[in-house]
Protein backbone atom coordinates (compact mmCIF):
# COMPACT_ATOMS: atom_id res chain seq x y z
CA UNK A 1 -29.07 -9.97 82.23
CA UNK A 2 -28.04 -8.69 85.71
CA UNK A 3 -24.35 -9.56 85.24
CA UNK A 4 -22.80 -6.10 85.77
CA UNK A 5 -18.96 -6.32 85.91
CA UNK A 6 -18.91 -10.02 85.04
CA UNK A 7 -17.05 -9.65 81.75
CA UNK A 8 -15.98 -13.32 81.71
CA UNK A 9 -19.50 -14.74 82.17
CA UNK A 10 -20.50 -16.86 79.14
CA UNK A 11 -23.77 -14.86 78.59
CA UNK A 12 -21.85 -11.56 78.67
CA UNK A 13 -19.20 -12.91 76.25
CA UNK A 14 -21.94 -14.20 73.90
CA UNK A 15 -23.68 -10.76 73.92
CA UNK A 16 -20.34 -9.07 73.16
CA UNK A 17 -19.66 -11.53 70.39
CA UNK A 18 -23.05 -10.78 68.87
CA UNK A 19 -22.41 -7.06 68.96
CA UNK A 20 -19.00 -7.54 67.32
CA UNK A 21 -20.51 -9.69 64.58
CA UNK A 22 -23.23 -7.16 63.84
CA UNK A 23 -20.80 -4.20 63.87
CA UNK A 24 -18.51 -6.07 61.42
CA UNK A 25 -21.48 -6.98 59.25
CA UNK A 26 -22.43 -3.34 58.71
CA UNK A 27 -18.77 -2.18 58.72
CA UNK A 28 -19.27 -0.10 61.85
CA UNK A 29 -16.22 0.65 63.97
CA UNK A 30 -16.55 -0.75 67.46
CA UNK A 31 -14.62 -0.93 70.70
CA UNK A 32 -14.82 -0.69 74.47
CA UNK A 33 -12.82 0.59 77.41
CA UNK A 34 -10.38 -2.17 78.40
CA UNK A 35 -9.42 -2.83 82.00
CA UNK A 36 -5.96 -4.16 81.12
CA UNK A 37 -3.51 -4.24 78.29
CA UNK A 38 -4.37 -7.92 77.83
CA UNK A 39 -8.08 -7.08 77.36
CA UNK A 40 -7.13 -4.28 75.00
CA UNK A 41 -5.06 -6.69 72.84
CA UNK A 42 -7.88 -9.29 72.86
CA UNK A 43 -10.47 -6.80 71.54
CA UNK A 44 -8.03 -5.43 68.92
CA UNK A 45 -7.45 -9.05 67.79
CA UNK A 46 -11.22 -9.40 67.41
CA UNK A 47 -11.33 -6.35 65.17
CA UNK A 48 -12.03 -3.43 67.62
CA UNK A 49 -10.74 -0.06 66.48
CA UNK A 50 -12.22 2.32 69.09
CA UNK A 51 -10.32 1.41 72.20
CA UNK A 52 -9.15 2.92 75.48
CA UNK A 53 -7.21 1.23 78.21
CA UNK A 54 -7.52 2.20 81.86
CA UNK A 55 -9.12 5.29 83.24
CA UNK A 56 -8.52 8.30 85.36
CA UNK A 57 -9.05 6.57 88.71
CA UNK A 58 -6.80 3.64 87.68
CA UNK A 59 -4.03 6.00 86.46
CA UNK A 60 -4.15 8.15 89.55
CA UNK A 61 -4.01 5.16 91.87
CA UNK A 62 -1.05 3.69 90.00
CA UNK A 63 0.81 6.98 89.98
CA UNK A 64 0.26 7.31 93.76
CA UNK A 65 1.54 3.78 94.37
CA UNK A 66 4.56 4.36 92.13
CA UNK A 67 5.38 7.58 93.99
CA UNK A 68 5.07 5.78 97.35
CA UNK A 69 7.42 3.06 96.20
CA UNK A 70 10.00 5.57 94.91
CA UNK A 71 9.79 7.58 98.14
CA UNK A 72 10.28 4.43 100.27
CA UNK A 73 13.18 3.33 98.14
CA UNK A 74 14.81 6.75 98.45
CA UNK A 75 14.37 6.84 102.23
CA UNK A 76 15.74 3.31 102.63
CA UNK A 77 18.75 4.15 100.44
CA UNK A 78 19.60 6.99 102.82
CA UNK A 79 19.40 4.67 105.86
CA UNK A 80 15.91 5.41 107.09
CA UNK A 81 14.23 2.10 107.95
CA UNK A 82 11.08 3.19 109.81
CA UNK A 83 8.93 3.85 106.78
CA UNK A 84 5.62 1.91 106.76
CA UNK A 85 3.12 1.79 103.95
CA UNK A 86 -0.48 2.59 104.78
């Protein structure tokens, strides 16, 4: 198929739909890691029961960005204006 990472590609979607149909047919739980809450909700709506959302790298990156924003806000609230994000 050679469509790695192209989750929205029609061929990829068709293959996923086929897997979902077969899993439902034999009453097998199915799911996938979701890259966003929206993807998570879409798969649950399609019957998925074995789901995860996000991953270690994503969570660590978001936590670092949140910490950076809080630090910048704190410094600015104390009058320091020279803070630059990397």
